[in-house]
N, C-alpha and C. Protein backbone atom coordinates (compact mmCIF):
# COMPACT_ATOMS: atom_id res chain seq x y z
N MET A 1 137.17 1.99 -130.74
CA MET A 1 137.62 0.62 -130.56
C MET A 1 138.49 0.50 -129.32
N ARG A 2 139.35 1.49 -129.08
CA ARG A 2 140.21 1.46 -127.89
C ARG A 2 139.37 1.51 -126.62
N VAL A 3 138.29 2.28 -126.66
CA VAL A 3 137.43 2.38 -125.48
C VAL A 3 136.80 1.02 -125.19
N LEU A 4 136.36 0.32 -126.24
CA LEU A 4 135.76 -1.00 -126.07
C LEU A 4 136.78 -1.99 -125.51
N GLN A 5 138.02 -1.95 -126.02
CA GLN A 5 139.06 -2.84 -125.51
C GLN A 5 139.39 -2.52 -124.06
N LEU A 6 139.43 -1.24 -123.73
CA LEU A 6 139.70 -0.84 -122.35
C LEU A 6 138.57 -1.31 -121.43
N LEU A 7 137.34 -1.16 -121.88
CA LEU A 7 136.19 -1.61 -121.10
C LEU A 7 136.24 -3.12 -120.90
N LEU A 8 136.54 -3.85 -121.95
CA LEU A 8 136.63 -5.31 -121.85
C LEU A 8 137.74 -5.72 -120.88
N THR A 9 138.88 -5.06 -120.96
CA THR A 9 139.99 -5.36 -120.05
C THR A 9 139.59 -5.08 -118.61
N LEU A 10 138.92 -3.97 -118.37
CA LEU A 10 138.48 -3.63 -117.02
C LEU A 10 137.49 -4.67 -116.49
N VAL A 11 136.56 -5.08 -117.31
CA VAL A 11 135.59 -6.10 -116.89
C VAL A 11 136.29 -7.41 -116.55
N LEU A 12 137.26 -7.80 -117.38
CA LEU A 12 137.99 -9.05 -117.11
C LEU A 12 138.80 -8.95 -115.82
N ILE A 13 139.44 -7.81 -115.59
CA ILE A 13 140.22 -7.63 -114.36
C ILE A 13 139.31 -7.70 -113.15
N LEU A 14 138.18 -7.02 -113.20
CA LEU A 14 137.24 -7.05 -112.09
C LEU A 14 136.67 -8.45 -111.89
N GLY A 15 136.45 -9.14 -112.99
CA GLY A 15 135.93 -10.51 -112.90
C GLY A 15 136.91 -11.46 -112.23
N PHE A 16 138.21 -11.27 -112.49
CA PHE A 16 139.22 -12.14 -111.89
C PHE A 16 139.51 -11.77 -110.45
N SER A 17 139.16 -10.54 -110.04
CA SER A 17 139.51 -10.11 -108.69
C SER A 17 138.64 -10.79 -107.64
N GLY A 18 137.47 -11.24 -108.00
CA GLY A 18 136.60 -11.95 -107.07
C GLY A 18 136.47 -13.40 -107.49
N GLN A 19 135.55 -14.06 -106.86
CA GLN A 19 135.32 -15.45 -107.20
C GLN A 19 134.70 -15.53 -108.60
N VAL A 20 135.10 -16.53 -109.36
CA VAL A 20 134.56 -16.71 -110.71
C VAL A 20 133.09 -17.08 -110.58
N GLN A 21 132.25 -16.34 -111.30
CA GLN A 21 130.82 -16.61 -111.25
C GLN A 21 130.54 -17.87 -112.05
N ALA A 22 130.03 -18.87 -111.37
CA ALA A 22 129.82 -20.16 -112.01
C ALA A 22 128.33 -20.38 -112.24
N ASP A 23 127.74 -19.59 -113.12
CA ASP A 23 126.37 -19.83 -113.51
C ASP A 23 126.19 -19.44 -114.97
N ILE A 24 125.06 -19.80 -115.50
CA ILE A 24 124.82 -19.60 -116.92
C ILE A 24 124.81 -18.11 -117.29
N ASP A 25 124.26 -17.26 -116.43
CA ASP A 25 124.22 -15.83 -116.74
C ASP A 25 125.62 -15.23 -116.81
N GLY A 26 126.47 -15.59 -115.87
CA GLY A 26 127.85 -15.10 -115.90
C GLY A 26 128.59 -15.57 -117.13
N TYR A 27 128.38 -16.83 -117.48
CA TYR A 27 129.01 -17.40 -118.67
C TYR A 27 128.55 -16.65 -119.92
N LEU A 28 127.26 -16.45 -120.04
CA LEU A 28 126.73 -15.74 -121.21
C LEU A 28 127.24 -14.30 -121.27
N ASN A 29 127.31 -13.65 -120.13
CA ASN A 29 127.83 -12.27 -120.11
C ASN A 29 129.27 -12.23 -120.62
N ARG A 30 130.10 -13.18 -120.19
CA ARG A 30 131.50 -13.22 -120.66
C ARG A 30 131.55 -13.47 -122.17
N LEU A 31 130.72 -14.38 -122.66
CA LEU A 31 130.71 -14.65 -124.10
C LEU A 31 130.27 -13.41 -124.88
N ASN A 32 129.25 -12.73 -124.38
CA ASN A 32 128.74 -11.54 -125.07
C ASN A 32 129.78 -10.42 -125.08
N LEU A 33 130.51 -10.27 -124.00
CA LEU A 33 131.58 -9.26 -123.97
C LEU A 33 132.66 -9.58 -124.98
N HIS A 34 133.04 -10.85 -125.06
CA HIS A 34 134.07 -11.23 -126.02
C HIS A 34 133.57 -10.99 -127.45
N ALA A 35 132.33 -11.36 -127.72
CA ALA A 35 131.78 -11.16 -129.06
C ALA A 35 131.70 -9.68 -129.41
N ALA A 36 131.39 -8.84 -128.43
CA ALA A 36 131.32 -7.40 -128.68
C ALA A 36 132.70 -6.84 -129.03
N ALA A 37 133.73 -7.41 -128.43
CA ALA A 37 135.09 -6.94 -128.68
C ALA A 37 135.63 -7.44 -130.02
N ASP A 38 135.27 -8.68 -130.41
CA ASP A 38 135.81 -9.24 -131.65
C ASP A 38 134.87 -10.35 -132.15
N LEU A 39 133.82 -9.94 -132.87
CA LEU A 39 132.83 -10.90 -133.35
C LEU A 39 133.43 -11.91 -134.32
N GLY A 40 134.38 -11.49 -135.13
CA GLY A 40 135.02 -12.42 -136.07
C GLY A 40 135.73 -13.55 -135.36
N ASP A 41 136.49 -13.22 -134.34
CA ASP A 41 137.19 -14.24 -133.55
C ASP A 41 136.19 -15.14 -132.84
N PHE A 42 135.15 -14.55 -132.28
CA PHE A 42 134.10 -15.31 -131.60
C PHE A 42 133.46 -16.30 -132.58
N ARG A 43 133.12 -15.83 -133.75
CA ARG A 43 132.47 -16.65 -134.78
C ARG A 43 133.35 -17.84 -135.17
N VAL A 44 134.63 -17.57 -135.44
CA VAL A 44 135.56 -18.63 -135.84
C VAL A 44 135.73 -19.65 -134.72
N GLY A 45 135.91 -19.18 -133.49
CA GLY A 45 136.09 -20.09 -132.36
C GLY A 45 134.87 -20.94 -132.11
N LEU A 46 133.71 -20.34 -132.23
CA LEU A 46 132.45 -21.06 -132.04
C LEU A 46 132.32 -22.20 -133.05
N GLY A 47 132.56 -21.89 -134.31
CA GLY A 47 132.47 -22.92 -135.35
C GLY A 47 133.49 -24.01 -135.16
N ALA A 48 134.72 -23.64 -134.83
CA ALA A 48 135.78 -24.63 -134.65
C ALA A 48 135.49 -25.55 -133.47
N HIS A 49 135.06 -25.01 -132.36
CA HIS A 49 134.84 -25.84 -131.18
C HIS A 49 133.66 -26.80 -131.38
N PHE A 50 132.58 -26.30 -131.96
CA PHE A 50 131.39 -27.12 -132.08
C PHE A 50 131.28 -27.82 -133.43
N GLY A 51 132.32 -27.73 -134.25
CA GLY A 51 132.31 -28.42 -135.53
C GLY A 51 131.22 -27.95 -136.46
N ALA A 52 130.93 -26.66 -136.41
CA ALA A 52 129.85 -26.09 -137.21
C ALA A 52 130.42 -25.35 -138.41
N SER A 53 129.71 -25.43 -139.51
CA SER A 53 130.13 -24.71 -140.71
C SER A 53 129.90 -23.22 -140.50
N GLY A 54 130.58 -22.42 -141.32
CA GLY A 54 130.40 -20.97 -141.26
C GLY A 54 128.95 -20.57 -141.50
N SER A 55 128.28 -21.27 -142.41
CA SER A 55 126.88 -20.92 -142.69
C SER A 55 125.99 -21.27 -141.50
N ASP A 56 126.28 -22.38 -140.80
CA ASP A 56 125.49 -22.71 -139.61
C ASP A 56 125.72 -21.69 -138.50
N VAL A 57 126.97 -21.28 -138.32
CA VAL A 57 127.28 -20.27 -137.30
C VAL A 57 126.55 -18.97 -137.63
N ASP A 58 126.59 -18.55 -138.89
CA ASP A 58 125.91 -17.32 -139.28
C ASP A 58 124.40 -17.43 -139.08
N LEU A 59 123.82 -18.58 -139.42
CA LEU A 59 122.39 -18.80 -139.23
C LEU A 59 122.01 -18.67 -137.76
N VAL A 60 122.77 -19.31 -136.90
CA VAL A 60 122.45 -19.26 -135.47
C VAL A 60 122.64 -17.85 -134.93
N LEU A 61 123.72 -17.18 -135.30
CA LEU A 61 123.95 -15.81 -134.82
C LEU A 61 122.81 -14.88 -135.24
N ARG A 62 122.26 -15.10 -136.43
CA ARG A 62 121.13 -14.27 -136.88
C ARG A 62 119.82 -14.65 -136.17
N SER A 63 119.74 -15.86 -135.64
CA SER A 63 118.49 -16.38 -135.06
C SER A 63 118.34 -16.16 -133.57
N VAL A 64 119.41 -15.78 -132.89
CA VAL A 64 119.38 -15.65 -131.43
C VAL A 64 119.46 -14.19 -131.01
N ARG A 65 119.12 -13.92 -129.76
CA ARG A 65 119.12 -12.55 -129.24
C ARG A 65 120.53 -12.03 -129.01
N ASN A 66 121.43 -12.89 -128.52
CA ASN A 66 122.80 -12.48 -128.17
C ASN A 66 123.78 -13.53 -128.67
N PRO A 67 125.02 -13.14 -128.97
CA PRO A 67 126.01 -14.11 -129.44
C PRO A 67 126.23 -15.27 -128.46
N GLY A 68 126.18 -14.98 -127.15
CA GLY A 68 126.35 -16.05 -126.17
C GLY A 68 125.29 -17.13 -126.32
N ASP A 69 124.07 -16.71 -126.69
CA ASP A 69 123.00 -17.68 -126.89
C ASP A 69 123.34 -18.66 -128.01
N ALA A 70 124.11 -18.20 -129.00
CA ALA A 70 124.51 -19.08 -130.10
C ALA A 70 125.36 -20.23 -129.56
N ALA A 71 126.28 -19.93 -128.65
CA ALA A 71 127.12 -20.99 -128.07
C ALA A 71 126.26 -22.00 -127.34
N LEU A 72 125.27 -21.53 -126.60
CA LEU A 72 124.41 -22.46 -125.88
C LEU A 72 123.56 -23.29 -126.84
N CYS A 73 123.13 -22.70 -127.94
CA CYS A 73 122.37 -23.47 -128.93
C CYS A 73 123.24 -24.59 -129.52
N PHE A 74 124.49 -24.28 -129.84
CA PHE A 74 125.37 -25.34 -130.36
C PHE A 74 125.64 -26.39 -129.29
N TRP A 75 125.81 -25.99 -128.05
CA TRP A 75 126.03 -26.94 -126.96
C TRP A 75 124.81 -27.84 -126.80
N LEU A 76 123.62 -27.24 -126.86
CA LEU A 76 122.39 -28.02 -126.74
C LEU A 76 122.23 -28.99 -127.90
N ARG A 77 122.61 -28.56 -129.08
CA ARG A 77 122.56 -29.47 -130.23
C ARG A 77 123.47 -30.67 -129.99
N GLN A 78 124.66 -30.38 -129.50
CA GLN A 78 125.65 -31.42 -129.27
C GLN A 78 125.18 -32.41 -128.20
N HIS A 79 124.64 -31.92 -127.11
CA HIS A 79 124.30 -32.78 -125.99
C HIS A 79 122.92 -33.41 -126.10
N SER A 80 122.03 -32.81 -126.86
CA SER A 80 120.70 -33.40 -127.05
C SER A 80 120.65 -34.29 -128.28
N ARG A 81 121.65 -34.13 -129.15
CA ARG A 81 121.71 -34.85 -130.42
C ARG A 81 120.50 -34.56 -131.31
N GLN A 82 119.97 -33.35 -131.14
CA GLN A 82 118.86 -32.89 -131.98
C GLN A 82 119.43 -32.06 -133.13
N PRO A 83 118.75 -32.05 -134.27
CA PRO A 83 119.20 -31.20 -135.38
C PRO A 83 119.16 -29.73 -134.99
N LEU A 84 120.02 -28.95 -135.60
CA LEU A 84 120.11 -27.53 -135.31
C LEU A 84 118.76 -26.84 -135.52
N ALA A 85 118.02 -27.22 -136.54
CA ALA A 85 116.71 -26.61 -136.79
C ALA A 85 115.75 -26.84 -135.62
N VAL A 86 115.80 -28.01 -135.01
CA VAL A 86 114.94 -28.32 -133.85
C VAL A 86 115.37 -27.47 -132.65
N VAL A 87 116.67 -27.35 -132.43
CA VAL A 87 117.16 -26.53 -131.32
C VAL A 87 116.70 -25.08 -131.50
N LEU A 88 116.86 -24.54 -132.70
CA LEU A 88 116.47 -23.14 -132.94
C LEU A 88 114.97 -22.93 -132.81
N GLU A 89 114.18 -23.89 -133.29
CA GLU A 89 112.72 -23.77 -133.16
C GLU A 89 112.32 -23.77 -131.69
N ASN A 90 112.89 -24.67 -130.91
CA ASN A 90 112.59 -24.71 -129.48
C ASN A 90 113.11 -23.47 -128.77
N TYR A 91 114.25 -22.95 -129.19
CA TYR A 91 114.81 -21.71 -128.63
C TYR A 91 113.80 -20.57 -128.76
N ARG A 92 113.16 -20.48 -129.92
CA ARG A 92 112.19 -19.41 -130.17
C ARG A 92 110.96 -19.54 -129.27
N GLN A 93 110.64 -20.76 -128.85
CA GLN A 93 109.41 -21.02 -128.11
C GLN A 93 109.58 -21.09 -126.59
N GLN A 94 110.76 -21.34 -126.11
CA GLN A 94 110.97 -21.63 -124.68
C GLN A 94 111.27 -20.40 -123.86
N GLN A 95 110.96 -20.50 -122.59
CA GLN A 95 111.31 -19.48 -121.60
C GLN A 95 112.35 -20.10 -120.67
N GLY A 96 113.57 -19.70 -120.82
CA GLY A 96 114.62 -20.17 -119.93
C GLY A 96 115.40 -21.34 -120.49
N TRP A 97 116.68 -21.39 -120.13
CA TRP A 97 117.57 -22.43 -120.64
C TRP A 97 117.21 -23.80 -120.10
N GLY A 98 116.76 -23.87 -118.86
CA GLY A 98 116.37 -25.16 -118.29
C GLY A 98 115.20 -25.76 -119.03
N ASN A 99 114.19 -24.94 -119.33
CA ASN A 99 113.03 -25.42 -120.09
C ASN A 99 113.43 -25.84 -121.50
N LEU A 100 114.32 -25.09 -122.10
CA LEU A 100 114.79 -25.44 -123.44
C LEU A 100 115.51 -26.77 -123.42
N ALA A 101 116.40 -26.95 -122.44
CA ALA A 101 117.14 -28.21 -122.33
C ALA A 101 116.17 -29.38 -122.15
N LYS A 102 115.18 -29.21 -121.27
CA LYS A 102 114.19 -30.27 -121.04
C LYS A 102 113.42 -30.59 -122.32
N SER A 103 113.04 -29.55 -123.08
CA SER A 103 112.27 -29.77 -124.30
C SER A 103 113.08 -30.54 -125.35
N LEU A 104 114.41 -30.50 -125.23
CA LEU A 104 115.28 -31.20 -126.17
C LEU A 104 115.71 -32.58 -125.65
N GLY A 105 115.20 -32.97 -124.49
CA GLY A 105 115.48 -34.30 -123.96
C GLY A 105 116.61 -34.38 -122.95
N ILE A 106 117.13 -33.24 -122.50
CA ILE A 106 118.16 -33.26 -121.46
C ILE A 106 117.44 -33.30 -120.12
N LYS A 107 117.68 -34.35 -119.38
CA LYS A 107 116.95 -34.62 -118.14
C LYS A 107 117.42 -33.73 -116.99
N PRO A 108 116.47 -33.13 -116.26
CA PRO A 108 116.85 -32.41 -115.04
C PRO A 108 117.56 -33.38 -114.08
N GLY A 109 118.59 -32.91 -113.46
CA GLY A 109 119.36 -33.77 -112.56
C GLY A 109 120.52 -34.47 -113.23
N SER A 110 120.53 -34.49 -114.58
CA SER A 110 121.64 -35.14 -115.29
C SER A 110 122.89 -34.26 -115.22
N ALA A 111 124.03 -34.86 -115.50
CA ALA A 111 125.29 -34.10 -115.51
C ALA A 111 125.22 -32.97 -116.53
N GLU A 112 124.62 -33.22 -117.68
CA GLU A 112 124.52 -32.19 -118.71
C GLU A 112 123.66 -31.01 -118.23
N PHE A 113 122.55 -31.34 -117.56
CA PHE A 113 121.65 -30.29 -117.07
C PHE A 113 122.37 -29.44 -116.02
N HIS A 114 123.09 -30.08 -115.10
CA HIS A 114 123.84 -29.34 -114.08
C HIS A 114 124.93 -28.48 -114.71
N ALA A 115 125.62 -29.02 -115.73
CA ALA A 115 126.66 -28.24 -116.42
C ALA A 115 126.05 -27.00 -117.08
N LEU A 116 124.91 -27.17 -117.71
CA LEU A 116 124.22 -26.04 -118.34
C LEU A 116 123.88 -24.97 -117.31
N LYS A 117 123.24 -25.34 -116.24
CA LYS A 117 122.82 -24.37 -115.23
C LYS A 117 124.03 -23.68 -114.57
N ALA A 118 125.15 -24.41 -114.47
CA ALA A 118 126.34 -23.85 -113.85
C ALA A 118 127.16 -23.00 -114.82
N GLY A 119 126.83 -23.06 -116.11
CA GLY A 119 127.61 -22.32 -117.10
C GLY A 119 128.96 -22.96 -117.36
N GLU A 120 129.04 -24.26 -117.23
CA GLU A 120 130.28 -25.00 -117.47
C GLU A 120 130.14 -25.78 -118.78
N LEU A 121 130.18 -25.03 -119.87
CA LEU A 121 129.90 -25.64 -121.17
C LEU A 121 131.15 -26.00 -121.95
N GLY A 122 132.32 -25.70 -121.41
CA GLY A 122 133.54 -26.19 -122.01
C GLY A 122 134.10 -25.41 -123.18
N TRP A 123 133.51 -24.25 -123.48
CA TRP A 123 134.09 -23.45 -124.57
C TRP A 123 134.27 -22.02 -124.09
N TYR A 124 135.49 -21.54 -124.29
CA TYR A 124 135.84 -20.17 -123.97
C TYR A 124 136.59 -19.61 -125.17
N PRO A 125 136.15 -18.49 -125.72
CA PRO A 125 136.87 -17.91 -126.86
C PRO A 125 138.33 -17.64 -126.50
N ALA A 126 139.17 -17.59 -127.50
CA ALA A 126 140.59 -17.31 -127.28
C ALA A 126 140.72 -16.07 -126.40
N GLY A 127 141.55 -16.19 -125.37
CA GLY A 127 141.73 -15.09 -124.44
C GLY A 127 140.59 -14.96 -123.46
N GLY A 128 139.64 -15.90 -123.48
CA GLY A 128 138.48 -15.85 -122.59
C GLY A 128 138.80 -16.41 -121.22
N ASP A 129 137.78 -16.62 -120.45
CA ASP A 129 137.93 -17.02 -119.06
C ASP A 129 137.98 -18.54 -118.94
N GLU A 130 139.17 -19.10 -119.09
CA GLU A 130 139.32 -20.54 -118.95
C GLU A 130 139.46 -20.95 -117.50
N ALA A 131 139.63 -19.99 -116.61
CA ALA A 131 139.80 -20.31 -115.19
C ALA A 131 138.59 -21.04 -114.66
N GLN A 132 137.41 -20.75 -115.17
CA GLN A 132 136.22 -21.42 -114.69
C GLN A 132 136.30 -22.91 -114.98
N GLY A 133 136.78 -23.28 -116.15
CA GLY A 133 136.91 -24.69 -116.50
C GLY A 133 137.90 -25.39 -115.60
N ARG A 134 139.02 -24.74 -115.30
CA ARG A 134 140.01 -25.35 -114.39
C ARG A 134 139.44 -25.45 -112.99
N LYS A 135 138.67 -24.44 -112.58
CA LYS A 135 138.09 -24.45 -111.24
C LYS A 135 137.15 -25.64 -111.08
N SER A 136 136.39 -25.95 -112.11
CA SER A 136 135.42 -27.02 -112.00
C SER A 136 136.05 -28.39 -112.18
N GLY A 137 137.33 -28.42 -112.55
CA GLY A 137 138.01 -29.69 -112.72
C GLY A 137 137.71 -30.34 -114.05
N LYS A 138 137.04 -29.62 -114.92
CA LYS A 138 136.69 -30.18 -116.22
C LYS A 138 137.80 -29.92 -117.22
N SER A 139 137.99 -30.84 -118.12
CA SER A 139 138.96 -30.66 -119.18
C SER A 139 138.24 -30.10 -120.39
N HIS A 140 138.79 -29.08 -121.00
CA HIS A 140 138.17 -28.44 -122.16
C HIS A 140 139.05 -28.66 -123.37
N ASP A 141 138.64 -29.56 -124.22
CA ASP A 141 139.41 -29.91 -125.40
C ASP A 141 138.93 -29.05 -126.55
N LYS A 142 139.57 -27.92 -126.73
CA LYS A 142 139.16 -26.96 -127.76
C LYS A 142 139.31 -27.53 -129.15
N GLY A 143 138.33 -27.18 -129.97
CA GLY A 143 138.42 -27.51 -131.38
C GLY A 143 138.01 -28.93 -131.71
N LYS A 144 137.64 -29.73 -130.74
CA LYS A 144 137.24 -31.10 -131.02
C LYS A 144 135.76 -31.23 -130.75
N ASN A 145 135.08 -31.88 -131.66
CA ASN A 145 133.65 -32.11 -131.50
C ASN A 145 133.37 -33.56 -131.78
N LYS A 146 133.08 -34.30 -130.75
CA LYS A 146 132.83 -35.73 -130.91
C LYS A 146 131.38 -36.01 -131.24
N ASN A 147 130.47 -35.09 -130.88
CA ASN A 147 129.03 -35.29 -131.11
C ASN A 147 128.51 -34.18 -132.00
N LYS A 148 128.42 -34.44 -133.26
CA LYS A 148 127.87 -33.42 -134.16
C LYS A 148 126.38 -33.45 -134.16
């Protein structure tokens, strides 16, 4: 466990030493690292931010390839206003996040589509990389979900 914490700390230090990577892959990598270090904290934060029940969070975590993908599925549910079952079904069928977003009705060129591609989804686990949100000028209101 100490080795994992040391590795996570090293990755975070190296990540802060250069420019913050503002794309979906960088965002997913940071989420996956956090989940690897503390899946329980990741799970609780994910549910709290996206207003999802524990059973929904568990369902999504079991249905996706990586924990970071779960956050994107909840974000897509929120912004597409599609039921979670529809998001997960399309997740299984699509190649790429852009195609998935389009299949759920998020228009290319829209603010939501650009936020997705940039990895600016507004949720960072406790102790995560909130600098990206400040860099983009976006306000991240943790724990509030206006669009279930």
